[in-house]
């Protein structure tokens, strides 16, 4: 058993279909009931570790195999001297065989089982074993009422496999009454829904037990990013290197009244380690100097430069760009080899089929594009609603990547990083402290700064690695902030400090 977050290495995630296949092979190998027995024992061990002095424990058990896991856990906890009460929704006539046998073992151990959530004592710990990974719709009124009762408790709530009412593949809340757990023990596999959409809010601390099985041979549905993704993005700088060794970044954006967005992106690119950072403000009356970061070089009209100059730099376009970005996008799309499009650049693309044609042609010329939409921007590009994007974040990011042959960062809780032909990644870091103006500009600029250091050759792999690592570090900067917002300017400094500290840690481990 392991605590999942923070993850030091990438971890595989499996959707329901893949998990079912892994489960079926394991049951064929082990025999009936063995997986459920292991799951129940793991659940009981974690319950005991979380509340070693608990006197009374309530298990809310559903009608399926998730309820069977709860019965197995109750049996062990009863044998270990705890007072255990199980409230069961099971119908003996339709109960799965393994769950029915688990219930009989619990009864034999002396566990009190009833069909009412009224248990006669205030529990010191509760186990949510109501609904498993098969849930696909909002629960009926009876199940929902039990979920509300779990949420009303003041004690810790441990969810078996995933909190009841959470979609295992998408992280979408199935109705308004889903369980908000303080801890979740994911069994056999880690599920994508635990780490995106509503998952992070309702799972509490996530634990994982593979139930004494070897790593499955089934390809994962997605990967959960880990700190190891940052290692290659922070190489040791050799003494003989110079600023030209670390590439050029140009920020194109900052229309009238929005120059701050472009400056935030530029400062972030500089903090990420780019050798030189240029700023092409689309506001003809905007500033021509940054007193906070005089290292930045302002180049009005740079987006109209010769193709060879455009192709040599990493370009981050769209931050605070407004409608003015439409004039510069055709040339950038045609000639920039490494192009990151954010914010207003994405909105311009969504509204202009000619720009879309230029975007679609880039990959055929060996050019690489990185798109960084939030859900509404993604919806505009896909021609759907933001709600539809949020209903399947992994699917939406994958469709964007495949449609435009681009690397995509779909921002939000559990940001999704997707690229054509690659298994997508979910980012586990970050929180709503980043939900403020300018933090997306910082992310775009930072990724541009890292991308510039990956060499002059444009590659999807390089962009994918930069996106995965950049989003991870961006989220890490907010890790210790649980209330209030992190200002975008302060975010740059926190990322810079983390980048330096993690680089030093990597050096010590080499």
Protein backbone atom coordinates (compact mmCIF):
# COMPACT_ATOMS: atom_id res chain seq x y z
CA UNK A 1 0.00 0.00 0.00
CA UNK A 2 1.25 3.48 -0.81
CA UNK A 3 0.18 7.07 -0.44
CA UNK A 4 -0.16 8.35 -3.99
CA UNK A 5 0.45 12.09 -3.73
CA UNK A 6 2.89 13.65 -4.08
CA UNK A 7 4.09 11.15 -6.68
CA UNK A 8 7.83 10.85 -7.20
CA UNK A 9 7.42 8.87 -10.42
CA UNK A 10 4.75 8.52 -13.07
CA UNK A 11 1.99 6.06 -12.23
CA UNK A 12 -0.32 4.20 -14.64
CA UNK A 13 -4.05 4.93 -14.60
CA UNK A 14 -6.69 2.49 -15.87
CA UNK A 15 -10.26 3.21 -16.86
CA UNK A 16 -13.14 0.91 -15.96
CA UNK A 17 -12.83 -1.27 -19.06
CA UNK A 18 -9.12 -1.85 -18.52
CA UNK A 19 -9.62 -2.43 -14.80
CA UNK A 20 -12.33 -5.02 -15.52
CA UNK A 21 -9.99 -6.84 -17.87
CA UNK A 22 -7.17 -6.85 -15.29
CA UNK A 23 -9.61 -8.02 -12.63
CA UNK A 24 -10.92 -10.86 -14.82
CA UNK A 25 -7.42 -12.17 -15.52
CA UNK A 26 -6.54 -12.00 -11.83
CA UNK A 27 -9.69 -13.88 -10.81
CA UNK A 28 -8.96 -16.60 -13.36
CA UNK A 29 -5.48 -16.97 -11.91
CA UNK A 30 -6.34 -16.68 -8.21
CA UNK A 31 -9.79 -18.19 -8.00
CA UNK A 32 -13.17 -16.79 -6.96
CA UNK A 33 -13.31 -14.39 -4.03
CA UNK A 34 -9.57 -13.97 -3.48
CA UNK A 35 -9.40 -10.42 -4.86
CA UNK A 36 -12.31 -9.33 -2.69
CA UNK A 37 -10.70 -10.86 0.38
CA UNK A 38 -7.45 -9.00 -0.35
CA UNK A 39 -9.35 -5.77 -0.98
CA UNK A 40 -11.25 -6.06 2.29
CA UNK A 41 -8.08 -6.78 4.24
CA UNK A 42 -6.33 -3.76 2.67
CA UNK A 43 -9.33 -1.58 3.51
CA UNK A 44 -9.36 -2.80 7.12
CA UNK A 45 -5.63 -2.22 7.53
CA UNK A 46 -5.85 1.33 6.29
CA UNK A 47 -8.91 1.98 8.48
CA UNK A 48 -6.96 0.79 11.51
CA UNK A 49 -3.96 2.92 10.56
CA UNK A 50 -6.11 6.02 10.10
CA UNK A 51 -8.08 5.55 13.33
CA UNK A 52 -6.13 3.17 15.58
CA UNK A 53 -8.11 4.19 18.67
CA UNK A 54 -11.54 4.10 17.04
CA UNK A 55 -14.08 2.33 19.18
CA UNK A 56 -17.00 2.28 16.76
CA UNK A 57 -16.82 1.94 12.96
CA UNK A 58 -19.71 2.23 10.54
CA UNK A 59 -19.57 0.53 7.12
CA UNK A 60 -22.11 1.66 4.53
CA UNK A 61 -22.25 -1.26 2.08
CA UNK A 62 -23.86 -1.19 -1.34
CA UNK A 63 -25.49 -4.03 -3.24
CA UNK A 64 -22.51 -4.99 -5.40
CA UNK A 65 -18.89 -6.00 -5.07
CA UNK A 66 -17.93 -2.67 -3.53
CA UNK A 67 -20.24 -3.63 -0.69
CA UNK A 68 -18.51 -7.01 -0.56
CA UNK A 69 -15.19 -5.22 0.05
CA UNK A 70 -16.91 -3.45 2.94
CA UNK A 71 -18.15 -6.74 4.43
CA UNK A 72 -14.63 -8.19 4.28
CA UNK A 73 -13.20 -5.10 5.98
CA UNK A 74 -15.89 -5.24 8.67
CA UNK A 75 -15.06 -8.87 9.41
CA UNK A 76 -11.39 -8.08 10.03
CA UNK A 77 -12.09 -4.99 12.11
CA UNK A 78 -14.55 -6.95 14.26
CA UNK A 79 -11.95 -9.65 14.84
CA UNK A 80 -9.43 -7.00 15.80
CA UNK A 81 -11.66 -5.86 18.63
CA UNK A 82 -13.55 -2.97 17.06
CA UNK A 83 -17.26 -2.39 17.36
CA UNK A 84 -18.47 -2.60 13.79
CA UNK A 85 -21.92 -1.99 12.35
CA UNK A 86 -22.74 -2.52 8.70
CA UNK A 87 -25.69 -0.89 6.99
CA UNK A 88 -26.36 -2.83 3.82
CA UNK A 89 -28.36 -2.06 0.70
CA UNK A 90 -27.86 -5.62 -0.54
CA UNK A 91 -30.71 -7.73 -1.82
CA UNK A 92 -29.82 -11.35 -1.16
CA UNK A 93 -31.50 -12.40 -4.39
CA UNK A 94 -29.36 -10.22 -6.65
CA UNK A 95 -26.15 -9.95 -4.62
CA UNK A 96 -22.98 -11.13 -6.46
CA UNK A 97 -21.72 -14.49 -5.18
CA UNK A 98 -18.43 -13.14 -3.80
CA UNK A 99 -20.20 -10.32 -1.96
CA UNK A 100 -22.78 -12.72 -0.53
CA UNK A 101 -20.04 -14.98 0.83
CA UNK A 102 -18.22 -11.96 2.28
CA UNK A 103 -21.41 -10.93 4.09
CA UNK A 104 -21.75 -14.43 5.58
CA UNK A 105 -18.17 -14.29 6.85
CA UNK A 106 -18.87 -10.91 8.46
CA UNK A 107 -21.99 -12.29 10.17
CA UNK A 108 -20.00 -15.29 11.42
CA UNK A 109 -17.42 -12.91 12.91
CA UNK A 110 -20.15 -11.16 14.91
CA UNK A 111 -20.65 -8.06 12.77
CA UNK A 112 -24.05 -6.40 13.19
CA UNK A 113 -25.73 -5.97 9.79
CA UNK A 114 -28.95 -4.09 9.12
CA UNK A 115 -30.69 -2.38 6.24
CA UNK A 116 -30.89 0.92 8.10
CA UNK A 117 -28.25 3.66 8.48
CA UNK A 118 -29.38 4.10 12.09
CA UNK A 119 -26.62 2.23 13.94
CA UNK A 120 -27.11 3.33 17.55
CA UNK A 121 -23.72 4.93 18.15
CA UNK A 122 -21.60 7.80 16.82
CA UNK A 123 -18.83 6.24 14.72
CA UNK A 124 -15.20 7.23 15.05
CA UNK A 125 -14.61 6.18 11.45
CA UNK A 126 -16.89 5.40 8.51
CA UNK A 127 -16.20 3.32 5.41
CA UNK A 128 -17.99 4.21 2.19
CA UNK A 129 -18.52 0.96 0.29
CA UNK A 130 -21.78 1.93 -1.40
CA UNK A 131 -21.00 2.27 -5.12
CA UNK A 132 -18.03 1.02 -7.10
CA UNK A 133 -16.45 1.75 -10.46
CA UNK A 134 -19.55 0.66 -12.36
CA UNK A 135 -21.63 3.71 -11.35
CA UNK A 136 -22.65 5.72 -14.41
CA UNK A 137 -25.65 7.80 -13.29
CA UNK A 138 -26.94 9.71 -10.31
CA UNK A 139 -27.95 7.36 -7.47
CA UNK A 140 -31.57 6.80 -6.51
CA UNK A 141 -33.11 8.58 -3.54
CA UNK A 142 -32.28 5.84 -1.02
CA UNK A 143 -28.59 5.64 -1.91
CA UNK A 144 -28.39 9.43 -2.07
CA UNK A 145 -29.82 9.71 1.43
CA UNK A 146 -27.12 7.37 2.75
CA UNK A 147 -24.48 9.44 0.98
CA UNK A 148 -25.79 12.57 2.67
CA UNK A 149 -25.58 10.79 6.00
CA UNK A 150 -21.93 9.94 5.35
CA UNK A 151 -21.20 13.54 4.43
CA UNK A 152 -22.84 14.78 7.63
CA UNK A 153 -20.44 12.81 9.85
CA UNK A 154 -17.72 14.62 11.78
CA UNK A 155 -15.40 11.61 11.74
CA UNK A 156 -13.08 10.54 8.93
CA UNK A 157 -14.64 8.78 5.94
CA UNK A 158 -12.64 6.17 4.05
CA UNK A 159 -13.88 5.41 0.53
CA UNK A 160 -13.42 1.91 -0.87
CA UNK A 161 -11.91 2.21 -4.37
CA UNK A 162 -13.47 5.62 -5.04
CA UNK A 163 -15.99 7.88 -3.33
CA UNK A 164 -19.55 6.81 -4.14
CA UNK A 165 -21.08 9.07 -6.75
CA UNK A 166 -17.83 9.74 -8.64
CA UNK A 167 -17.39 8.59 -12.25
CA UNK A 168 -14.25 6.44 -12.24
CA UNK A 169 -13.15 7.38 -15.77
CA UNK A 170 -13.93 11.09 -15.92
CA UNK A 171 -14.06 12.34 -12.33
CA UNK A 172 -17.51 13.79 -12.96
CA UNK A 173 -19.87 13.95 -9.98
CA UNK A 174 -22.90 11.72 -10.60
CA UNK A 175 -25.53 13.91 -8.99
CA UNK A 176 -25.40 16.38 -6.14
CA UNK A 177 -25.03 13.96 -3.23
CA UNK A 178 -21.74 12.19 -3.91
CA UNK A 179 -19.58 11.24 -0.95
CA UNK A 180 -16.78 13.60 0.04
CA UNK A 181 -14.21 11.31 1.61
CA UNK A 182 -11.25 12.25 3.77
CA UNK A 183 -9.33 9.24 2.40
CA UNK A 184 -9.73 6.98 -0.61
CA UNK A 185 -8.11 3.58 -1.06
CA UNK A 186 -7.95 2.74 -4.77
CA UNK A 187 -7.85 -1.03 -5.20
CA UNK A 188 -6.09 -3.07 -7.90
CA UNK A 189 -5.62 -0.06 -10.21
CA UNK A 190 -5.55 3.71 -9.98
CA UNK A 191 -8.48 5.29 -11.80
CA UNK A 192 -8.28 8.51 -13.85
CA UNK A 193 -11.39 10.00 -12.23
CA UNK A 194 -9.61 10.24 -8.88
CA UNK A 195 -7.33 12.95 -10.25
CA UNK A 196 -9.36 15.20 -12.52
CA UNK A 197 -12.61 17.18 -12.59
CA UNK A 198 -14.34 16.72 -9.19
CA UNK A 199 -12.05 13.88 -8.17
CA UNK A 200 -9.44 15.87 -6.30
CA UNK A 201 -12.11 17.61 -4.22
CA UNK A 202 -13.99 14.50 -3.07
CA UNK A 203 -11.24 11.88 -2.69
CA UNK A 204 -9.27 13.44 0.14
CA UNK A 205 -5.92 11.69 0.55
CA UNK A 206 -5.54 8.96 -2.06
CA UNK A 207 -3.95 5.60 -1.26
CA UNK A 208 -3.30 2.66 -3.55
CA UNK A 209 -3.05 -1.10 -3.02
CA UNK A 210 -2.42 -3.37 -6.01
CA UNK A 211 -3.60 -6.39 -3.94
CA UNK A 212 -0.31 -8.30 -4.16
CA UNK A 213 -0.47 -8.55 -7.95
CA UNK A 214 2.33 -7.82 -10.39
CA UNK A 215 2.16 -4.76 -12.59
CA UNK A 216 -0.53 -5.41 -15.20
CA UNK A 217 0.50 -5.92 -18.80
CA UNK A 218 -2.52 -3.95 -20.00
CA UNK A 219 -1.53 -0.57 -21.51
CA UNK A 220 -2.62 2.27 -19.22
CA UNK A 221 -5.45 4.61 -20.14
CA UNK A 222 -3.39 7.57 -18.92
CA UNK A 223 -0.38 8.38 -16.78
CA UNK A 224 -0.29 10.34 -13.54
CA UNK A 225 2.67 12.71 -13.78
CA UNK A 226 5.38 12.59 -11.14
CA UNK A 227 8.33 14.70 -10.07
CA UNK A 228 10.61 12.52 -12.19
CA UNK A 229 9.08 14.22 -15.26
CA UNK A 230 11.05 17.33 -14.31
CA UNK A 231 14.50 15.75 -14.34
CA UNK A 232 15.33 16.07 -18.03
CA UNK A 233 14.04 19.65 -18.11
CA UNK A 234 16.63 20.85 -15.61
CA UNK A 235 19.99 19.68 -17.00
CA UNK A 236 23.27 20.74 -15.43
CA UNK A 237 24.62 23.86 -17.11
CA UNK A 238 28.15 23.40 -18.40
CA UNK A 239 30.77 26.06 -17.79
CA UNK A 240 31.36 26.67 -21.49
CA UNK A 241 27.70 27.36 -22.25
CA UNK A 242 26.46 30.90 -22.89
CA UNK A 243 23.11 32.64 -23.30
CA UNK A 244 22.88 31.48 -26.89
CA UNK A 245 22.97 27.90 -25.61
CA UNK A 246 19.61 28.31 -23.93
CA UNK A 247 17.57 29.64 -26.81
CA UNK A 248 15.39 32.62 -27.55
CA UNK A 249 11.75 33.14 -26.60
CA UNK A 250 9.51 35.82 -28.05
CA UNK A 251 6.23 36.75 -26.39
CA UNK A 252 3.67 38.10 -28.87
CA UNK A 253 0.64 39.58 -27.12
CA UNK A 254 -0.37 42.41 -24.86
CA UNK A 255 -2.94 44.40 -26.82
CA UNK A 256 -4.21 47.73 -25.52
CA UNK A 257 -4.92 47.53 -21.80
CA UNK A 258 -3.50 43.99 -21.50
CA UNK A 259 0.27 44.42 -21.65
CA UNK A 260 0.53 42.90 -18.16
CA UNK A 261 -0.34 39.44 -19.49
CA UNK A 262 2.52 39.53 -21.99
CA UNK A 263 4.96 40.84 -19.38
CA UNK A 264 4.02 38.05 -16.96
CA UNK A 265 4.66 35.47 -19.68
CA UNK A 266 7.98 37.10 -20.55
CA UNK A 267 9.14 37.23 -16.94
CA UNK A 268 8.21 33.57 -16.53
CA UNK A 269 10.18 32.57 -19.64
CA UNK A 270 13.19 34.42 -18.25
CA UNK A 271 12.85 32.75 -14.84
CA UNK A 272 12.60 29.35 -16.54
CA UNK A 273 16.07 29.87 -17.97
CA UNK A 274 15.67 31.06 -21.54
CA UNK A 275 18.84 32.68 -22.83
CA UNK A 276 17.08 35.73 -24.26
CA UNK A 277 13.47 36.86 -24.03
CA UNK A 278 11.93 39.33 -26.45
CA UNK A 279 8.56 41.06 -26.09
CA UNK A 280 6.45 42.10 -29.07
CA UNK A 281 3.52 44.04 -27.62
CA UNK A 282 0.52 44.39 -29.93
CA UNK A 283 -0.32 47.71 -28.26
CA UNK A 284 1.48 50.38 -30.25
CA UNK A 285 1.36 52.68 -27.23
CA UNK A 286 2.41 50.06 -24.69
CA UNK A 287 5.57 50.13 -22.56
CA UNK A 288 8.97 49.65 -24.12
CA UNK A 289 10.79 48.78 -20.93
CA UNK A 290 10.14 46.57 -17.90
CA UNK A 291 11.63 48.23 -14.83
CA UNK A 292 11.10 45.08 -12.77
CA UNK A 293 12.92 42.90 -15.30
CA UNK A 294 15.18 45.11 -17.45
CA UNK A 295 16.67 41.93 -18.94
CA UNK A 296 13.62 41.71 -21.18
CA UNK A 297 14.12 43.14 -24.68
CA UNK A 298 11.19 44.86 -26.38
CA UNK A 299 10.92 44.34 -30.15
CA UNK A 300 7.84 46.09 -31.62
CA UNK A 301 6.71 44.45 -34.83
CA UNK A 302 8.89 41.35 -34.32
CA UNK A 303 6.04 39.11 -35.53
CA UNK A 304 6.53 40.59 -39.00
CA UNK A 305 10.19 39.55 -39.18
CA UNK A 306 11.79 37.43 -41.90
CA UNK A 307 10.87 33.73 -41.84
CA UNK A 308 14.36 32.61 -40.80
CA UNK A 309 14.21 34.82 -37.70
CA UNK A 310 10.71 33.64 -36.84
CA UNK A 311 11.76 30.02 -37.15
CA UNK A 312 14.73 30.33 -34.78
CA UNK A 313 12.80 31.29 -31.63
CA UNK A 314 10.18 29.66 -29.47
CA UNK A 315 7.14 31.90 -29.76
CA UNK A 316 4.45 32.24 -27.11
CA UNK A 317 1.47 33.97 -28.67
CA UNK A 318 -1.88 35.04 -27.31
CA UNK A 319 -1.34 36.30 -23.76
CA UNK A 320 -3.54 39.40 -23.51
CA UNK A 321 -3.48 39.64 -27.32
CA UNK A 322 -7.11 40.63 -27.93
CA UNK A 323 -8.39 40.87 -31.49
CA UNK A 324 -5.05 42.27 -32.68
CA UNK A 325 -3.61 38.77 -32.69
CA UNK A 326 -5.54 37.91 -35.88
CA UNK A 327 -3.17 40.07 -37.93
CA UNK A 328 0.02 38.35 -36.77
CA UNK A 329 -1.15 34.74 -36.54
CA UNK A 330 -0.94 33.82 -40.26
CA UNK A 331 2.78 34.53 -40.47
CA UNK A 332 3.52 32.92 -37.11
CA UNK A 333 1.57 29.78 -38.02
CA UNK A 334 3.42 29.59 -41.32
CA UNK A 335 7.00 30.07 -40.16
CA UNK A 336 7.51 29.52 -36.40
CA UNK A 337 8.84 26.03 -35.78
CA UNK A 338 7.99 25.89 -32.06
CA UNK A 339 4.79 27.79 -31.35
CA UNK A 340 2.77 27.94 -28.13
CA UNK A 341 -0.75 29.33 -28.54
CA UNK A 342 -2.70 30.53 -25.54
CA UNK A 343 -5.76 32.62 -24.66
CA UNK A 344 -6.78 35.06 -27.43
CA UNK A 345 -4.75 33.17 -30.05
CA UNK A 346 -6.95 30.14 -29.36
CA UNK A 347 -10.11 32.20 -29.60
CA UNK A 348 -8.96 33.61 -32.94
CA UNK A 349 -8.31 30.10 -34.24
CA UNK A 350 -11.73 28.90 -33.15
CA UNK A 351 -13.40 31.69 -35.15
CA UNK A 352 -11.35 31.55 -38.37
CA UNK A 353 -11.26 28.56 -40.72
CA UNK A 354 -8.29 29.97 -42.65
CA UNK A 355 -6.22 30.08 -39.47
CA UNK A 356 -7.36 26.54 -38.72
CA UNK A 357 -6.07 25.41 -42.12
CA UNK A 358 -2.68 26.99 -41.40
CA UNK A 359 -2.60 25.26 -38.02
CA UNK A 360 -3.47 21.89 -39.54
CA UNK A 361 -0.65 22.23 -42.09
CA UNK A 362 2.08 22.89 -39.54
CA UNK A 363 2.84 19.29 -38.60
CA UNK A 364 3.39 18.37 -42.23
CA UNK A 365 6.22 20.93 -42.38
CA UNK A 366 7.89 19.57 -39.26
CA UNK A 367 6.58 22.39 -37.06
CA UNK A 368 5.30 21.70 -33.54
CA UNK A 369 2.43 23.47 -31.83
CA UNK A 370 1.50 23.52 -28.16
CA UNK A 371 -2.06 24.60 -27.29
CA UNK A 372 -2.94 25.58 -23.70
CA UNK A 373 -6.73 26.07 -23.50
CA UNK A 374 -8.94 26.31 -20.46
CA UNK A 375 -12.26 24.41 -20.80
CA UNK A 376 -14.16 27.24 -22.49
CA UNK A 377 -11.39 27.82 -25.03
CA UNK A 378 -11.25 24.08 -25.67
CA UNK A 379 -15.01 24.05 -26.20
CA UNK A 380 -14.76 26.79 -28.83
CA UNK A 381 -12.08 24.84 -30.68
CA UNK A 382 -14.13 21.64 -30.55
CA UNK A 383 -17.45 23.28 -31.38
CA UNK A 384 -19.16 22.09 -28.20
CA UNK A 385 -19.97 23.43 -24.73
CA UNK A 386 -17.62 23.80 -21.80
CA UNK A 387 -19.85 21.38 -19.89
CA UNK A 388 -19.24 18.75 -22.56
CA UNK A 389 -15.50 19.29 -22.27
CA UNK A 390 -15.65 18.91 -18.50
CA UNK A 391 -17.77 15.76 -18.81
CA UNK A 392 -14.79 13.96 -20.38
CA UNK A 393 -11.63 15.97 -19.96
CA UNK A 394 -9.27 13.24 -21.17
CA UNK A 395 -11.42 12.63 -24.23
CA UNK A 396 -11.66 16.33 -25.02
CA UNK A 397 -7.90 16.88 -24.77
CA UNK A 398 -7.24 13.82 -26.93
CA UNK A 399 -9.71 15.01 -29.59
CA UNK A 400 -8.04 18.42 -29.68
CA UNK A 401 -4.59 16.86 -30.05
CA UNK A 402 -5.72 14.52 -32.81
CA UNK A 403 -7.79 17.13 -34.66
CA UNK A 404 -5.02 19.70 -34.87
CA UNK A 405 -2.00 17.38 -34.63
CA UNK A 406 -0.77 19.38 -31.65
CA UNK A 407 0.36 18.90 -28.09
CA UNK A 408 -2.46 20.07 -25.82
CA UNK A 409 -2.66 21.16 -22.19
CA UNK A 410 -6.30 21.22 -21.11
CA UNK A 411 -6.08 23.31 -17.95
CA UNK A 412 -8.16 22.82 -14.84
CA UNK A 413 -8.26 20.48 -11.87
CA UNK A 414 -6.20 17.54 -13.06
CA UNK A 415 -4.83 19.26 -16.16
CA UNK A 416 -4.64 16.85 -19.10
CA UNK A 417 -1.61 16.74 -21.39
CA UNK A 418 -2.29 15.02 -24.71
CA UNK A 419 -0.47 14.52 -28.00
CA UNK A 420 -1.20 12.49 -31.13
CA UNK A 421 -0.33 8.83 -30.72
CA UNK A 422 0.67 9.20 -27.07
CA UNK A 423 -0.98 8.09 -23.85
CA UNK A 424 -2.25 11.25 -22.14
CA UNK A 425 -0.99 12.42 -18.75
CA UNK A 426 -2.92 13.83 -15.82
CA UNK A 427 -1.26 16.39 -13.59
CA UNK A 428 -1.69 15.82 -9.83
CA UNK A 429 -0.35 19.15 -8.55
CA UNK A 430 -2.01 22.51 -8.02
CA UNK A 431 -5.17 23.86 -6.45
CA UNK A 432 -7.53 26.81 -6.71
CA UNK A 433 -4.88 29.18 -5.36
CA UNK A 434 -3.95 29.35 -9.06
CA UNK A 435 -7.46 30.49 -10.02
CA UNK A 436 -6.56 34.11 -10.61
CA UNK A 437 -5.70 36.51 -13.40
CA UNK A 438 -2.33 35.96 -15.01
CA UNK A 439 -1.44 32.50 -13.73
CA UNK A 440 -2.14 30.98 -17.14
CA UNK A 441 0.15 33.57 -18.74
CA UNK A 442 2.87 32.52 -16.32
CA UNK A 443 2.41 28.87 -17.28
CA UNK A 444 2.59 29.66 -21.00
CA UNK A 445 5.72 31.76 -20.60
CA UNK A 446 7.41 29.20 -18.37
CA UNK A 447 6.82 26.39 -20.83
CA UNK A 448 8.19 28.60 -23.59
CA UNK A 449 11.31 29.19 -21.51
CA UNK A 450 11.87 25.50 -20.93
CA UNK A 451 11.09 24.67 -24.54
CA UNK A 452 13.77 27.08 -25.76
CA UNK A 453 16.39 25.11 -23.84
CA UNK A 454 15.52 21.76 -25.42
CA UNK A 455 17.57 22.47 -28.56
CA UNK A 456 16.70 23.96 -31.91
CA UNK A 457 15.04 20.78 -33.23
CA UNK A 458 11.27 20.90 -32.98
CA UNK A 459 9.72 17.60 -31.83
CA UNK A 460 6.40 16.48 -30.43
CA UNK A 461 8.24 14.54 -27.73
CA UNK A 462 10.09 17.66 -26.60
CA UNK A 463 6.89 19.70 -26.47
CA UNK A 464 5.03 16.94 -24.63
CA UNK A 465 7.78 16.69 -22.00
CA UNK A 466 7.89 20.46 -21.56
CA UNK A 467 4.11 20.59 -21.14
CA UNK A 468 4.01 17.76 -18.64
CA UNK A 469 6.86 19.12 -16.54
CA UNK A 470 5.76 22.74 -16.77
CA UNK A 471 2.25 22.02 -15.56
CA UNK A 472 3.63 19.90 -12.72
CA UNK A 473 5.98 22.65 -11.49
CA UNK A 474 3.29 25.30 -11.91
CA UNK A 475 1.00 23.32 -9.63
CA UNK A 476 3.75 22.57 -7.11
CA UNK A 477 4.20 26.29 -6.54
CA UNK A 478 0.71 26.42 -5.02
CA UNK A 479 1.08 23.22 -3.00
CA UNK A 480 1.30 24.81 0.44
CA UNK A 481 -1.40 27.42 -0.16
CA UNK A 482 -4.78 26.20 1.06
CA UNK A 483 -6.67 29.48 1.41
CA UNK A 484 -6.68 32.57 -0.73
CA UNK A 485 -5.02 33.20 -4.08
CA UNK A 486 -1.44 33.16 -5.32
CA UNK A 487 -0.71 36.32 -7.29
CA UNK A 488 0.74 35.68 -10.71
CA UNK A 489 3.83 37.78 -10.10
CA UNK A 490 4.56 35.88 -6.89
CA UNK A 491 3.93 32.60 -8.72
CA UNK A 492 6.89 33.26 -11.00
CA UNK A 493 9.22 33.66 -8.04
CA UNK A 494 7.91 30.51 -6.36
CA UNK A 495 8.41 28.53 -9.56
CA UNK A 496 11.89 29.95 -9.96
CA UNK A 497 12.82 28.89 -6.42
CA UNK A 498 11.37 25.41 -6.92
CA UNK A 499 13.16 25.03 -10.23
CA UNK A 500 16.45 25.86 -8.57
CA UNK A 501 15.87 23.64 -5.55
CA UNK A 502 14.73 20.66 -7.59
CA UNK A 503 17.69 21.09 -9.91
CA UNK A 504 20.03 21.00 -6.92
CA UNK A 505 18.24 17.86 -5.66
CA UNK A 506 18.67 16.18 -9.04
CA UNK A 507 22.38 17.03 -8.98
CA UNK A 508 22.81 15.43 -5.56
CA UNK A 509 21.06 12.27 -6.78
CA UNK A 510 23.17 11.92 -9.93
